[in-house]
Amino acid sequence: MTERVDETHDVGTKERDAFAFLRTKGRASVVRLADQWFIACAASELKDAPRAETIQDVPLVLFRDERGRAAALLDRCPHRNVPLSGGKVVASEGTIECPYHGWRFDREGACRAIPSFCGEPGAKARTAPAFPVIEQDGWIWVYSTPFAHPGAPMPSKQPHRFALASEPGYTTVHQTVEAEGTMYSAIENALDVPHTAFLHRGLFRSESRGVTLTVKVRRSKDRVEAEYVGEPRPPGLVARILSPSGGIVTHFDRFILPSIAQVEYRIGTENHFLADTVCTPVSDFRTKLHAVVSFRSRVPGHVIAPFVKPLALRVFQQDAVVLKQQTETIKKFGGEQFASTEIDVLGKHIWRLLRAAERGDASPPEEEAELQLVV
């Protein structure tokens, strides 16, 4: 928080120091990542009309060309700065038409038509920046760095794959929600074990049962993983639904660059649960969470599936309230201030990986650690 001094009153050193407890580092956990894939929307949401989406404060317009392929352009007509998302798709030629003067742009951002103009429309200055797009696993993924020019090759990097979404014997549910918080805060929240006994009491865990777990942390160039060893099935409602017969839990929490929070549980030999949440930063303090939850259970999937989404939404609503309060506090105090312990298992590793990716540096060195956690 920046110190403010009343011009009519000279605040002495001692008086200023009395307010030292208010000071923060004046920053927030905001990152901007180039050359990364993020989910813009579900494939089913992109139909005949243009769709406006925002990723990292960059307004985009999504549309389908004449072959049904998804495309993404900067949502700004280069002619007079009107949003292209307010226009229409000309299906016969696979272009998007600006609502102001009718300029038309193809999937590569090249201007293909200017009404009443007799010359060639495709001058460089009339190009709308285009972004790489991949439609995969029922999602529209957009690359955060635009093509260098029309006709440039696709990036060699590929989006995240949902490993169990089409696996035989598994049931999969999808859900998209939005939180008022930074991408980092949303990811850390999704992978934070200690808060579940308090914020989600009765759904996941209860207050401490006095069970000591060993936590093995492994960080590599693009991810960090925490393995929790030796936990009996928690008493919460979610665990009882997934594994009515109890058992020892095999539990992994993983962060995978650029924005995937992955939670995996195995309870006994028959029950397996994998939740992949792709966090898309809409803006500095607003994040969309696209969750893909796949599970296999001793209880038939069609019996459990109707309970999974309502429970997940209940958990998220509790998280969303806290993330909003956290964001409001950060803004009120002009920045963040953290006091962490070793049981804040993944937070520091997530932050280091994100900052390294933001800088384009080599990732932090690989690391392994082991600690104890009482639940």
Foldseek 3Di string as FASTA:
>chain_A
DDDDDDPVDDQDPVNVVVCVVLDDPLAALFFDFAFAKFFFWFLVVADFAWDWGFFANFIWIWHAELVRDIWIFRQAFLPHGHGLSPFGAPNVGGWGFRPPQGFTAHRQQATCDGPPDPDGRGDPSRGTFIWDWDNPPRTIMTGRDTAPHRPHDDDPDDHDDDVCPPPPQKDKDKDKDKAQFALLLVQLVLQAPPCCQPLVNQAQAHPFPQDKWKWKWKDAQFKIKIWTPDAWGHRHPNSCLQAVPTATKTWMWMDGPPRWTWIWIDGPDFKIKIKIWGWGGSYRGMIMTMIMIMIHGPPDPVVCVVVVVVSVVVSVVSVRVVNVVVVVVQVVSSHDDDDDDCSSPCSVVNSQSNVCSSVVHGGDHIDIDMDMDTD
